[in-house]
PDB file of N, CA and C in Angstrom:
ATOM      1  N   VAL A   1      -7.600  18.324  -2.442  1.00  0.00           N
ATOM      2  CA  VAL A   1      -7.397  17.368  -3.516  1.00  0.00           C
ATOM      3  C   VAL A   1      -8.563  16.388  -3.563  1.00  0.00           C
ATOM      4  N   TYR A   2      -8.978  15.898  -2.409  1.00  0.00           N
ATOM      5  CA  TYR A   2     -10.068  14.926  -2.344  1.00  0.00           C
ATOM      6  C   TYR A   2     -11.320  15.454  -3.036  1.00  0.00           C
ATOM      7  N   LEU A   3     -11.751  16.660  -2.678  1.00  0.00           N
ATOM      8  CA  LEU A   3     -12.981  17.203  -3.249  1.00  0.00           C
ATOM      9  C   LEU A   3     -12.842  17.442  -4.744  1.00  0.00           C
ATOM     10  N   HIS A   4     -11.677  17.922  -5.180  1.00  0.00           N
ATOM     11  CA  HIS A   4     -11.435  18.164  -6.604  1.00  0.00           C
ATOM     12  C   HIS A   4     -11.465  16.847  -7.378  1.00  0.00           C
ATOM     13  N   ALA A   5     -10.777  15.839  -6.864  1.00  0.00           N
ATOM     14  CA  ALA A   5     -10.734  14.530  -7.529  1.00  0.00           C
ATOM     15  C   ALA A   5     -12.123  13.911  -7.592  1.00  0.00           C
ATOM     16  N   LYS A   6     -12.871  14.050  -6.524  1.00  0.00           N
ATOM     17  CA  LYS A   6     -14.225  13.491  -6.487  1.00  0.00           C
ATOM     18  C   LYS A   6     -15.131  14.210  -7.483  1.00  0.00           C
ATOM     19  N   LYS A   7     -15.057  15.522  -7.503  1.00  0.00           N
ATOM     20  CA  LYS A   7     -15.906  16.320  -8.382  1.00  0.00           C
ATOM     21  C   LYS A   7     -15.624  16.030  -9.855  1.00  0.00           C
ATOM     22  N   HIS A   8     -14.356  15.842 -10.197  1.00  0.00           N
ATOM     23  CA  HIS A   8     -13.964  15.689 -11.596  1.00  0.00           C
ATOM     24  C   HIS A   8     -13.696  14.241 -11.992  1.00  0.00           C
ATOM     25  N   ASN A   9     -14.052  13.295 -11.114  1.00  0.00           N
ATOM     26  CA  ASN A   9     -13.883  11.869 -11.389  1.00  0.00           C
ATOM     27  C   ASN A   9     -12.469  11.547 -11.884  1.00  0.00           C
ATOM     28  N   MET A  10     -11.482  12.021 -11.144  1.00  0.00           N
ATOM     29  CA  MET A  10     -10.079  11.831 -11.520  1.00  0.00           C
ATOM     30  C   MET A  10      -9.548  10.511 -10.976  1.00  0.00           C
ATOM     31  N   GLU A  11      -8.522   9.993 -11.637  1.00  0.00           N
ATOM     32  CA  GLU A  11      -7.822   8.824 -11.131  1.00  0.00           C
ATOM     33  C   GLU A  11      -6.759   9.304 -10.153  1.00  0.00           C
ATOM     34  N   LEU A  12      -6.556   8.545  -9.084  1.00  0.00           N
ATOM     35  CA  LEU A  12      -5.621   8.938  -8.032  1.00  0.00           C
ATOM     36  C   LEU A  12      -4.563   7.874  -7.816  1.00  0.00           C
ATOM     37  N   LEU A  13      -3.387   8.327  -7.419  1.00  0.00           N
ATOM     38  CA  LEU A  13      -2.350   7.413  -6.951  1.00  0.00           C
ATOM     39  C   LEU A  13      -2.488   7.253  -5.443  1.00  0.00           C
ATOM     40  N   MET A  14      -2.213   6.040  -4.963  1.00  0.00           N
ATOM     41  CA  MET A  14      -2.207   5.792  -3.523  1.00  0.00           C
ATOM     42  C   MET A  14      -0.874   6.291  -2.983  1.00  0.00           C
ATOM     43  N   GLY A  15      -0.926   7.351  -2.223  1.00  0.00           N
ATOM     44  CA  GLY A  15       0.262   7.885  -1.579  1.00  0.00           C
ATOM     45  C   GLY A  15       0.153   7.706  -0.075  1.00  0.00           C
ATOM     46  N   ASN A  16       1.106   8.250   0.638  1.00  0.00           N
ATOM     47  CA  ASN A  16       1.106   8.080   2.082  1.00  0.00           C
ATOM     48  C   ASN A  16      -0.098   8.734   2.752  1.00  0.00           C
ATOM     49  N   HIS A  17      -0.556   9.891   2.277  1.00  0.00           N
ATOM     50  CA  HIS A  17      -1.714  10.538   2.900  1.00  0.00           C
ATOM     51  C   HIS A  17      -2.975   9.689   2.730  1.00  0.00           C
ATOM     52  N   GLU A  18      -3.160   9.137   1.540  1.00  0.00           N
ATOM     53  CA  GLU A  18      -4.329   8.303   1.292  1.00  0.00           C
ATOM     54  C   GLU A  18      -4.260   7.010   2.115  1.00  0.00           C
ATOM     55  N   TYR A  19      -3.099   6.371   2.107  1.00  0.00           N
ATOM     56  CA  TYR A  19      -2.913   5.117   2.843  1.00  0.00           C
ATOM     57  C   TYR A  19      -3.171   5.308   4.335  1.00  0.00           C
ATOM     58  N   TYR A  20      -2.562   6.334   4.913  1.00  0.00           N
ATOM     59  CA  TYR A  20      -2.724   6.552   6.348  1.00  0.00           C
ATOM     60  C   TYR A  20      -4.129   7.048   6.697  1.00  0.00           C
ATOM     61  N   CYS A  21      -4.777   7.751   5.800  1.00  0.00           N
ATOM     62  CA  CYS A  21      -6.166   8.148   6.049  1.00  0.00           C
ATOM     63  C   CYS A  21      -7.045   6.903   6.149  1.00  0.00           C
ATOM     64  N   ILE A  22      -6.853   5.967   5.235  1.00  0.00           N
ATOM     65  CA  ILE A  22      -7.629   4.727   5.240  1.00  0.00           C
ATOM     66  C   ILE A  22      -7.398   3.944   6.530  1.00  0.00           C
ATOM     67  N   HIS A  23      -6.141   3.888   6.988  1.00  0.00           N
ATOM     68  CA  HIS A  23      -5.770   3.048   8.131  1.00  0.00           C
ATOM     69  C   HIS A  23      -5.547   3.845   9.423  1.00  0.00           C
ATOM     70  N   ARG A  24      -6.064   5.055   9.493  1.00  0.00           N
ATOM     71  CA  ARG A  24      -5.782   5.944  10.631  1.00  0.00           C
ATOM     72  C   ARG A  24      -6.321   5.432  11.958  1.00  0.00           C
ATOM     73  N   LYS A  25      -7.308   4.539  11.936  1.00  0.00           N
ATOM     74  CA  LYS A  25      -7.886   4.015  13.180  1.00  0.00           C
ATOM     75  C   LYS A  25      -7.138   2.790  13.700  1.00  0.00           C
ATOM     76  N   SER A  26      -6.231   2.265  12.901  1.00  0.00           N
ATOM     77  CA  SER A  26      -5.442   1.114  13.316  1.00  0.00           C
ATOM     78  C   SER A  26      -4.487   1.534  14.432  1.00  0.00           C
ATOM     79  N   ALA A  27      -4.433   0.766  15.490  1.00  0.00           N
ATOM     80  CA  ALA A  27      -3.554   1.099  16.619  1.00  0.00           C
ATOM     81  C   ALA A  27      -2.100   1.210  16.176  1.00  0.00           C
ATOM     82  N   ASP A  28      -1.691   0.370  15.226  1.00  0.00           N
ATOM     83  CA  ASP A  28      -0.300   0.373  14.754  1.00  0.00           C
ATOM     84  C   ASP A  28       0.044   1.611  13.930  1.00  0.00           C
ATOM     85  N   LEU A  29      -0.951   2.198  13.263  1.00  0.00           N
ATOM     86  CA  LEU A  29      -0.672   3.291  12.326  1.00  0.00           C
ATOM     87  C   LEU A  29      -1.170   4.656  12.778  1.00  0.00           C
ATOM     88  N   ARG A  30      -1.917   4.715  13.877  1.00  0.00           N
ATOM     89  CA  ARG A  30      -2.495   5.984  14.331  1.00  0.00           C
ATOM     90  C   ARG A  30      -1.430   7.056  14.552  1.00  0.00           C
ATOM     91  N   ASP A  31      -0.347   6.701  15.236  1.00  0.00           N
ATOM     92  CA  ASP A  31       0.709   7.681  15.489  1.00  0.00           C
ATOM     93  C   ASP A  31       1.403   8.100  14.204  1.00  0.00           C
ATOM     94  N   ASP A  32       1.595   7.138  13.288  1.00  0.00           N
ATOM     95  CA  ASP A  32       2.214   7.466  12.005  1.00  0.00           C
ATOM     96  C   ASP A  32       1.348   8.460  11.230  1.00  0.00           C
ATOM     97  N   TRP A  33       0.032   8.258  11.249  1.00  0.00           N
ATOM     98  CA  TRP A  33      -0.896   9.172  10.569  1.00  0.00           C
ATOM     99  C   TRP A  33      -0.705  10.587  11.087  1.00  0.00           C
ATOM    100  N   ASN A  34      -0.621  10.735  12.407  1.00  0.00           N
ATOM    101  CA  ASN A  34      -0.451  12.068  12.987  1.00  0.00           C
ATOM    102  C   ASN A  34       0.906  12.672  12.645  1.00  0.00           C
ATOM    103  N   LEU A  35       1.956  11.871  12.699  1.00  0.00           N
ATOM    104  CA  LEU A  35       3.309  12.369  12.437  1.00  0.00           C
ATOM    105  C   LEU A  35       3.582  12.663  10.965  1.00  0.00           C
ATOM    106  N   LEU A  36       2.961  11.918  10.082  1.00  0.00           N
ATOM    107  CA  LEU A  36       3.289  12.014   8.655  1.00  0.00           C
ATOM    108  C   LEU A  36       2.259  12.810   7.856  1.00  0.00           C
ATOM    109  N   GLY A  37       1.694  13.803   8.461  1.00  0.00           N
ATOM    110  CA  GLY A  37       0.820  14.703   7.720  1.00  0.00           C
ATOM    111  C   GLY A  37      -0.644  14.655   8.101  1.00  0.00           C
ATOM    112  N   GLY A  38      -1.034  13.738   8.949  1.00  0.00           N
ATOM    113  CA  GLY A  38      -2.435  13.634   9.330  1.00  0.00           C
ATOM    114  C   GLY A  38      -2.962  14.877  10.022  1.00  0.00           C
ATOM    115  N   LEU A  39      -2.170  15.443  10.911  1.00  0.00           N
ATOM    116  CA  LEU A  39      -2.616  16.652  11.621  1.00  0.00           C
ATOM    117  C   LEU A  39      -2.759  17.820  10.657  1.00  0.00           C
ATOM    118  N   ASP A  40      -1.832  17.933   9.704  1.00  0.00           N
ATOM    119  CA  ASP A  40      -1.943  18.983   8.681  1.00  0.00           C
ATOM    120  C   ASP A  40      -3.195  18.772   7.834  1.00  0.00           C
ATOM    121  N   THR A  41      -3.469  17.518   7.488  1.00  0.00           N
ATOM    122  CA  THR A  41      -4.667  17.189   6.714  1.00  0.00           C
ATOM    123  C   THR A  41      -5.919  17.573   7.494  1.00  0.00           C
ATOM    124  N   ILE A  42      -5.962  17.220   8.759  1.00  0.00           N
ATOM    125  CA  ILE A  42      -7.117  17.537   9.608  1.00  0.00           C
ATOM    126  C   ILE A  42      -7.309  19.054   9.712  1.00  0.00           C
ATOM    127  N   ASN A  43      -6.228  19.787   9.938  1.00  0.00           N
ATOM    128  CA  ASN A  43      -6.330  21.246  10.039  1.00  0.00           C
ATOM    129  C   ASN A  43      -6.823  21.857   8.731  1.00  0.00           C
ATOM    130  N   SER A  44      -6.352  21.326   7.615  1.00  0.00           N
ATOM    131  CA  SER A  44      -6.777  21.809   6.302  1.00  0.00           C
ATOM    132  C   SER A  44      -8.262  21.532   6.077  1.00  0.00           C
ATOM    133  N   ILE A  45      -8.699  20.338   6.433  1.00  0.00           N
ATOM    134  CA  ILE A  45     -10.116  19.974   6.286  1.00  0.00           C
ATOM    135  C   ILE A  45     -10.980  20.899   7.130  1.00  0.00           C
ATOM    136  N   ARG A  46     -10.568  21.110   8.364  1.00  0.00           N
ATOM    137  CA  ARG A  46     -11.356  21.971   9.264  1.00  0.00           C
ATOM    138  C   ARG A  46     -11.485  23.379   8.684  1.00  0.00           C
ATOM    139  N   ALA A  47     -10.391  23.906   8.154  1.00  0.00           N
ATOM    140  CA  ALA A  47     -10.400  25.275   7.642  1.00  0.00           C
ATOM    141  C   ALA A  47     -11.191  25.389   6.338  1.00  0.00           C
ATOM    142  N   LYS A  48     -10.950  24.478   5.411  1.00  0.00           N
ATOM    143  CA  LYS A  48     -11.552  24.603   4.079  1.00  0.00           C
ATOM    144  C   LYS A  48     -13.001  24.142   4.019  1.00  0.00           C
ATOM    145  N   MET A  49     -13.399  23.261   4.917  1.00  0.00           N
ATOM    146  CA  MET A  49     -14.751  22.711   4.858  1.00  0.00           C
ATOM    147  C   MET A  49     -15.611  23.188   6.028  1.00  0.00           C
ATOM    148  N   ASN A  50     -15.071  24.104   6.809  1.00  0.00           N
ATOM    149  CA  ASN A  50     -15.809  24.675   7.931  1.00  0.00           C
ATOM    150  C   ASN A  50     -16.324  23.591   8.884  1.00  0.00           C
ATOM    151  N   ILE A  51     -15.459  22.651   9.203  1.00  0.00           N
ATOM    152  CA  ILE A  51     -15.791  21.559  10.114  1.00  0.00           C
ATOM    153  C   ILE A  51     -15.663  22.078  11.543  1.00  0.00           C
ATOM    154  N   ARG A  52     -16.690  21.851  12.362  1.00  0.00           N
ATOM    155  CA  ARG A  52     -16.683  22.380  13.724  1.00  0.00           C
ATOM    156  C   ARG A  52     -16.606  21.310  14.802  1.00  0.00           C
ATOM    157  N   THR A  53     -17.145  20.138  14.540  1.00  0.00           N
ATOM    158  CA  THR A  53     -17.182  19.118  15.588  1.00  0.00           C
ATOM    159  C   THR A  53     -16.331  17.910  15.199  1.00  0.00           C
ATOM    160  N   GLU A  54     -15.975  17.134  16.201  1.00  0.00           N
ATOM    161  CA  GLU A  54     -15.212  15.899  15.954  1.00  0.00           C
ATOM    162  C   GLU A  54     -16.051  14.911  15.145  1.00  0.00           C
ATOM    163  N   LYS A  55     -17.352  14.891  15.386  1.00  0.00           N
ATOM    164  CA  LYS A  55     -18.230  13.998  14.631  1.00  0.00           C
ATOM    165  C   LYS A  55     -18.207  14.348  13.142  1.00  0.00           C
ATOM    166  N   GLU A  56     -18.308  15.636  12.819  1.00  0.00           N
ATOM    167  CA  GLU A  56     -18.231  16.074  11.414  1.00  0.00           C
ATOM    168  C   GLU A  56     -16.889  15.694  10.795  1.00  0.00           C
ATOM    169  N   LEU A  57     -15.823  15.886  11.570  1.00  0.00           N
ATOM    170  CA  LEU A  57     -14.489  15.540  11.084  1.00  0.00           C
ATOM    171  C   LEU A  57     -14.388  14.047  10.793  1.00  0.00           C
ATOM    172  N   GLU A  58     -14.856  13.217  11.726  1.00  0.00           N
ATOM    173  CA  GLU A  58     -14.812  11.761  11.516  1.00  0.00           C
ATOM    174  C   GLU A  58     -15.644  11.343  10.312  1.00  0.00           C
ATOM    175  N   GLU A  59     -16.776  11.986  10.116  1.00  0.00           N
ATOM    176  CA  GLU A  59     -17.624  11.655   8.963  1.00  0.00           C
ATOM    177  C   GLU A  59     -16.905  11.945   7.651  1.00  0.00           C
ATOM    178  N   ILE A  60     -16.244  13.089   7.550  1.00  0.00           N
ATOM    179  CA  ILE A  60     -15.544  13.419   6.308  1.00  0.00           C
ATOM    180  C   ILE A  60     -14.318  12.527   6.129  1.00  0.00           C
ATOM    181  N   LEU A  61     -13.598  12.215   7.208  1.00  0.00           N
ATOM    182  CA  LEU A  61     -12.443  11.312   7.098  1.00  0.00           C
ATOM    183  C   LEU A  61     -12.888   9.904   6.698  1.00  0.00           C
ATOM    184  N   ASP A  62     -14.031   9.456   7.228  1.00  0.00           N
ATOM    185  CA  ASP A  62     -14.569   8.151   6.822  1.00  0.00           C
ATOM    186  C   ASP A  62     -14.953   8.161   5.340  1.00  0.00           C
ATOM    187  N   GLU A  63     -15.578   9.247   4.903  1.00  0.00           N
ATOM    188  CA  GLU A  63     -15.949   9.380   3.490  1.00  0.00           C
ATOM    189  C   GLU A  63     -14.699   9.390   2.599  1.00  0.00           C
ATOM    190  N   MET A  64     -13.680  10.113   3.037  1.00  0.00           N
ATOM    191  CA  MET A  64     -12.424  10.154   2.284  1.00  0.00           C
ATOM    192  C   MET A  64     -11.795   8.762   2.213  1.00  0.00           C
ATOM    193  N   SER A  65     -11.818   8.043   3.325  1.00  0.00           N
ATOM    194  CA  SER A  65     -11.227   6.703   3.373  1.00  0.00           C
ATOM    195  C   SER A  65     -11.889   5.770   2.367  1.00  0.00           C
ATOM    196  N   VAL A  66     -13.206   5.788   2.325  1.00  0.00           N
ATOM    197  CA  VAL A  66     -13.941   4.947   1.373  1.00  0.00           C
ATOM    198  C   VAL A  66     -13.591   5.349  -0.054  1.00  0.00           C
ATOM    199  N   PHE A  67     -13.571   6.638  -0.311  1.00  0.00           N
ATOM    200  CA  PHE A  67     -13.225   7.138  -1.641  1.00  0.00           C
ATOM    201  C   PHE A  67     -11.825   6.680  -2.046  1.00  0.00           C
ATOM    202  N   PHE A  68     -10.847   6.824  -1.145  1.00  0.00           N
ATOM    203  CA  PHE A  68      -9.465   6.420  -1.459  1.00  0.00           C
ATOM    204  C   PHE A  68      -9.362   4.916  -1.669  1.00  0.00           C
ATOM    205  N   GLU A  69     -10.067   4.141  -0.843  1.00  0.00           N
ATOM    206  CA  GLU A  69     -10.033   2.680  -1.014  1.00  0.00           C
ATOM    207  C   GLU A  69     -10.585   2.275  -2.375  1.00  0.00           C
ATOM    208  N   GLU A  70     -11.614   2.961  -2.820  1.00  0.00           N
ATOM    209  CA  GLU A  70     -12.247   2.614  -4.095  1.00  0.00           C
ATOM    210  C   GLU A  70     -11.495   3.175  -5.296  1.00  0.00           C
ATOM    211  N   LYS A  71     -10.908   4.347  -5.176  1.00  0.00           N
ATOM    212  CA  LYS A  71     -10.371   5.054  -6.339  1.00  0.00           C
ATOM    213  C   LYS A  71      -8.849   5.088  -6.455  1.00  0.00           C
ATOM    214  N   ALA A  72      -8.139   5.134  -5.338  1.00  0.00           N
ATOM    215  CA  ALA A  72      -6.681   5.320  -5.404  1.00  0.00           C
ATOM    216  C   ALA A  72      -5.996   4.020  -5.834  1.00  0.00           C
ATOM    217  N   GLN A  73      -5.098   4.139  -6.785  1.00  0.00           N
ATOM    218  CA  GLN A  73      -4.386   2.994  -7.352  1.00  0.00           C
ATOM    219  C   GLN A  73      -2.908   3.036  -6.944  1.00  0.00           C
ATOM    220  N   PRO A  74      -2.260   1.873  -6.806  1.00  0.00           N
ATOM    221  CA  PRO A  74      -0.839   1.866  -6.470  1.00  0.00           C
ATOM    222  C   PRO A  74       0.031   2.403  -7.607  1.00  0.00           C
ATOM    223  N   TRP A  75      -0.480   2.313  -8.837  1.00  0.00           N
ATOM    224  CA  TRP A  75       0.203   2.889  -9.984  1.00  0.00           C
ATOM    225  C   TRP A  75      -0.819   3.119 -11.090  1.00  0.00           C
ATOM    226  N   LEU A  76      -0.448   3.964 -12.021  1.00  0.00           N
ATOM    227  CA  LEU A  76      -1.285   4.209 -13.189  1.00  0.00           C
ATOM    228  C   LEU A  76      -0.443   4.004 -14.437  1.00  0.00           C
ATOM    229  N   GLU A  77      -1.030   3.403 -15.443  1.00  0.00           N
ATOM    230  CA  GLU A  77      -0.392   3.298 -16.749  1.00  0.00           C
ATOM    231  C   GLU A  77      -1.100   4.269 -17.677  1.00  0.00           C
ATOM    232  N   ILE A  78      -0.318   5.132 -18.289  1.00  0.00           N
ATOM    233  CA  ILE A  78      -0.872   6.179 -19.137  1.00  0.00           C
ATOM    234  C   ILE A  78      -0.379   5.954 -20.566  1.00  0.00           C
ATOM    235  N   PRO A  79      -1.280   5.617 -21.475  1.00  0.00           N
ATOM    236  CA  PRO A  79      -0.848   5.405 -22.865  1.00  0.00           C
ATOM    237  C   PRO A  79      -0.519   6.743 -23.531  1.00  0.00           C
ATOM    238  N   THR A  80       0.485   6.728 -24.382  1.00  0.00           N
ATOM    239  CA  THR A  80       0.837   7.935 -25.130  1.00  0.00           C
ATOM    240  C   THR A  80       0.347   7.796 -26.563  1.00  0.00           C
ATOM    241  N   GLU A  81       0.351   8.889 -27.268  1.00  0.00           N
ATOM    242  CA  GLU A  81      -0.092   8.858 -28.664  1.00  0.00           C
ATOM    243  C   GLU A  81       0.882   8.102 -29.560  1.00  0.00           C
ATOM    244  N   TYR A  82       2.074   7.778 -29.051  1.00  0.00           N
ATOM    245  CA  TYR A  82       3.081   7.077 -29.851  1.00  0.00           C
ATOM    246  C   TYR A  82       3.132   5.582 -29.553  1.00  0.00           C
ATOM    247  N   GLY A  83       2.154   5.088 -28.817  1.00  0.00           N
ATOM    248  CA  GLY A  83       2.094   3.663 -28.523  1.00  0.00           C
ATOM    249  C   GLY A  83       2.911   3.232 -27.319  1.00  0.00           C
ATOM    250  N   HIS A  84       3.519   4.169 -26.610  1.00  0.00           N
ATOM    251  CA  HIS A  84       4.252   3.853 -25.391  1.00  0.00           C
ATOM    252  C   HIS A  84       3.320   3.990 -24.198  1.00  0.00           C
ATOM    253  N   ARG A  85       3.784   3.508 -23.059  1.00  0.00           N
ATOM    254  CA  ARG A  85       3.034   3.669 -21.819  1.00  0.00           C
ATOM    255  C   ARG A  85       3.931   4.345 -20.794  1.00  0.00           C
ATOM    256  N   ILE A  86       3.367   5.275 -20.084  1.00  0.00           N
ATOM    257  CA  ILE A  86       4.058   5.917 -18.969  1.00  0.00           C
ATOM    258  C   ILE A  86       3.527   5.275 -17.698  1.00  0.00           C
ATOM    259  N   LEU A  87       4.426   4.876 -16.827  1.00  0.00           N
ATOM    260  CA  LEU A  87       4.058   4.283 -15.553  1.00  0.00           C
ATOM    261  C   LEU A  87       4.262   5.330 -14.466  1.00  0.00           C
ATOM    262  N   ALA A  88       3.194   5.642 -13.756  1.00  0.00           N
ATOM    263  CA  ALA A  88       3.267   6.634 -12.682  1.00  0.00           C
ATOM    264  C   ALA A  88       2.992   5.946 -11.348  1.00  0.00           C
ATOM    265  N   SER A  89       3.845   6.219 -10.373  1.00  0.00           N
ATOM    266  CA  SER A  89       3.625   5.716  -9.022  1.00  0.00           C
ATOM    267  C   SER A  89       3.988   6.821  -8.046  1.00  0.00           C
ATOM    268  N   HIS A  90       3.567   6.668  -6.814  1.00  0.00           N
ATOM    269  CA  HIS A  90       3.794   7.715  -5.818  1.00  0.00           C
ATOM    270  C   HIS A  90       5.277   7.838  -5.460  1.00  0.00           C
ATOM    271  N   ALA A  91       5.941   6.724  -5.295  1.00  0.00           N
ATOM    272  CA  ALA A  91       7.325   6.769  -4.812  1.00  0.00           C
ATOM    273  C   ALA A  91       8.297   6.000  -5.706  1.00  0.00           C
ATOM    274  N   GLY A  92       7.884   5.683  -6.913  1.00  0.00           N
ATOM    275  CA  GLY A  92       8.774   4.962  -7.814  1.00  0.00           C
ATOM    276  C   GLY A  92       8.728   3.459  -7.580  1.00  0.00           C
ATOM    277  N   ILE A  93       9.465   2.756  -8.413  1.00  0.00           N
ATOM    278  CA  ILE A  93       9.529   1.299  -8.331  1.00  0.00           C
ATOM    279  C   ILE A  93      10.992   0.908  -8.191  1.00  0.00           C
ATOM    280  N   ASN A  94      11.260   0.074  -7.223  1.00  0.00           N
ATOM    281  CA  ASN A  94      12.621  -0.403  -7.008  1.00  0.00           C
ATOM    282  C   ASN A  94      13.038  -1.258  -8.208  1.00  0.00           C
ATOM    283  N   LYS A  95      14.122  -0.848  -8.858  1.00  0.00           N
ATOM    284  CA  LYS A  95      14.586  -1.518 -10.077  1.00  0.00           C
ATOM    285  C   LYS A  95      14.908  -2.989  -9.834  1.00  0.00           C
ATOM    286  N   LYS A  96      15.534  -3.297  -8.699  1.00  0.00           N
ATOM    287  CA  LYS A  96      15.885  -4.688  -8.398  1.00  0.00           C
ATOM    288  C   LYS A  96      14.645  -5.548  -8.221  1.00  0.00           C
ATOM    289  N   LEU A  97      13.652  -5.029  -7.503  1.00  0.00           N
ATOM    290  CA  LEU A  97      12.410  -5.788  -7.312  1.00  0.00           C
ATOM    291  C   LEU A  97      11.660  -5.962  -8.629  1.00  0.00           C
ATOM    292  N   PHE A  98      11.661  -4.925  -9.450  1.00  0.00           N
ATOM    293  CA  PHE A  98      10.981  -4.989 -10.737  1.00  0.00           C
ATOM    294  C   PHE A  98      11.577  -6.093 -11.609  1.00  0.00           C
ATOM    295  N   LYS A  99      12.903  -6.124 -11.672  1.00  0.00           N
ATOM    296  CA  LYS A  99      13.590  -7.144 -12.476  1.00  0.00           C
ATOM    297  C   LYS A  99      13.423  -8.531 -11.840  1.00  0.00           C
ATOM    298  N   ALA A 100      13.570  -8.619 -10.526  1.00  0.00           N
ATOM    299  CA  ALA A 100      13.459  -9.910  -9.831  1.00  0.00           C
ATOM    300  C   ALA A 100      12.057 -10.504  -9.975  1.00  0.00           C
ATOM    301  N   ASN A 101      11.062  -9.660 -10.161  1.00  0.00           N
ATOM    302  CA  ASN A 101       9.685 -10.116 -10.323  1.00  0.00           C
ATOM    303  C   ASN A 101       9.279 -10.194 -11.791  1.00  0.00           C
ATOM    304  N   HIS A 102      10.259 -10.408 -12.644  1.00  0.00           N
ATOM    305  CA  HIS A 102      10.023 -10.595 -14.078  1.00  0.00           C
ATOM    306  C   HIS A 102       9.240  -9.435 -14.683  1.00  0.00           C
ATOM    307  N   PHE A 103       9.594  -8.219 -14.242  1.00  0.00           N
ATOM    308  CA  PHE A 103       9.027  -6.977 -14.764  1.00  0.00           C
ATOM    309  C   PHE A 103       7.519  -6.870 -14.551  1.00  0.00           C
ATOM    310  N   SER A 104       7.055  -7.494 -13.457  1.00  0.00           N
ATOM    311  CA  SER A 104       5.653  -7.372 -13.062  1.00  0.00           C
ATOM    312  C   SER A 104       5.528  -6.178 -12.116  1.00  0.00           C
ATOM    313  N   VAL A 105       4.839  -5.150 -12.566  1.00  0.00           N
ATOM    314  CA  VAL A 105       4.645  -3.964 -11.739  1.00  0.00           C
ATOM    315  C   VAL A 105       3.901  -4.323 -10.463  1.00  0.00           C
ATOM    316  N   HIS A 106       2.840  -5.112 -10.590  1.00  0.00           N
ATOM    317  CA  HIS A 106       2.022  -5.475  -9.432  1.00  0.00           C
ATOM    318  C   HIS A 106       2.868  -6.163  -8.361  1.00  0.00           C
ATOM    319  N   ARG A 107       3.657  -7.155  -8.746  1.00  0.00           N
ATOM    320  CA  ARG A 107       4.463  -7.883  -7.762  1.00  0.00           C
ATOM    321  C   ARG A 107       5.589  -7.014  -7.222  1.00  0.00           C
ATOM    322  N   ALA A 108       6.181  -6.184  -8.048  1.00  0.00           N
ATOM    323  CA  ALA A 108       7.282  -5.323  -7.585  1.00  0.00           C
ATOM    324  C   ALA A 108       6.799  -4.318  -6.555  1.00  0.00           C
ATOM    325  N   LEU A 109       5.597  -3.783  -6.741  1.00  0.00           N
ATOM    326  CA  LEU A 109       5.072  -2.807  -5.794  1.00  0.00           C
ATOM    327  C   LEU A 109       4.485  -3.472  -4.553  1.00  0.00           C
ATOM    328  N   ALA A 110       4.137  -4.748  -4.647  1.00  0.00           N
ATOM    329  CA  ALA A 110       3.553  -5.452  -3.500  1.00  0.00           C
ATOM    330  C   ALA A 110       4.596  -5.948  -2.523  1.00  0.00           C
ATOM    331  N   GLU A 111       5.834  -6.150  -2.983  1.00  0.00           N
ATOM    332  CA  GLU A 111       6.887  -6.681  -2.119  1.00  0.00           C
ATOM    333  C   GLU A 111       7.543  -5.580  -1.314  1.00  0.00           C
ATOM    334  N   PRO A 112       7.819  -5.847  -0.043  1.00  0.00           N
ATOM    335  CA  PRO A 112       8.556  -4.848   0.746  1.00  0.00           C
ATOM    336  C   PRO A 112      10.004  -4.780   0.284  1.00  0.00           C
ATOM    337  N   ILE A 113      10.578  -3.607   0.323  1.00  0.00           N
ATOM    338  CA  ILE A 113      11.985  -3.428  -0.026  1.00  0.00           C
ATOM    339  C   ILE A 113      12.836  -3.855   1.147  1.00  0.00           C
ATOM    340  N   THR A 114      13.792  -4.751   0.914  1.00  0.00           N
ATOM    341  CA  THR A 114      14.657  -5.226   1.991  1.00  0.00           C
ATOM    342  C   THR A 114      16.080  -4.775   1.772  1.00  0.00           C
TER     343      THR A 114
END
């Protein structure tokens, strides 16, 4: 997905794989990265990109992290031909938070769900 999105200048949603890739070196999130798909991502990268060394792997993961930080969005608004907007997010928006934040998408997605 990373190479395709980069090649075609696509807009991306910030999902768990992108988030954990960016923060994979954090002591608090390293184990989560491995448990929640990081190892599968690493194996896929090694196979598809012919990565042989840990240094090569770290270089591509660092490149991916920068790309995701710059390009991946918490949500996308997609205008339709009828004047409506479609809101796309990785995991949806909590209805209670959305309403409590006066229908602000940014604030609703920034608040933790309690």
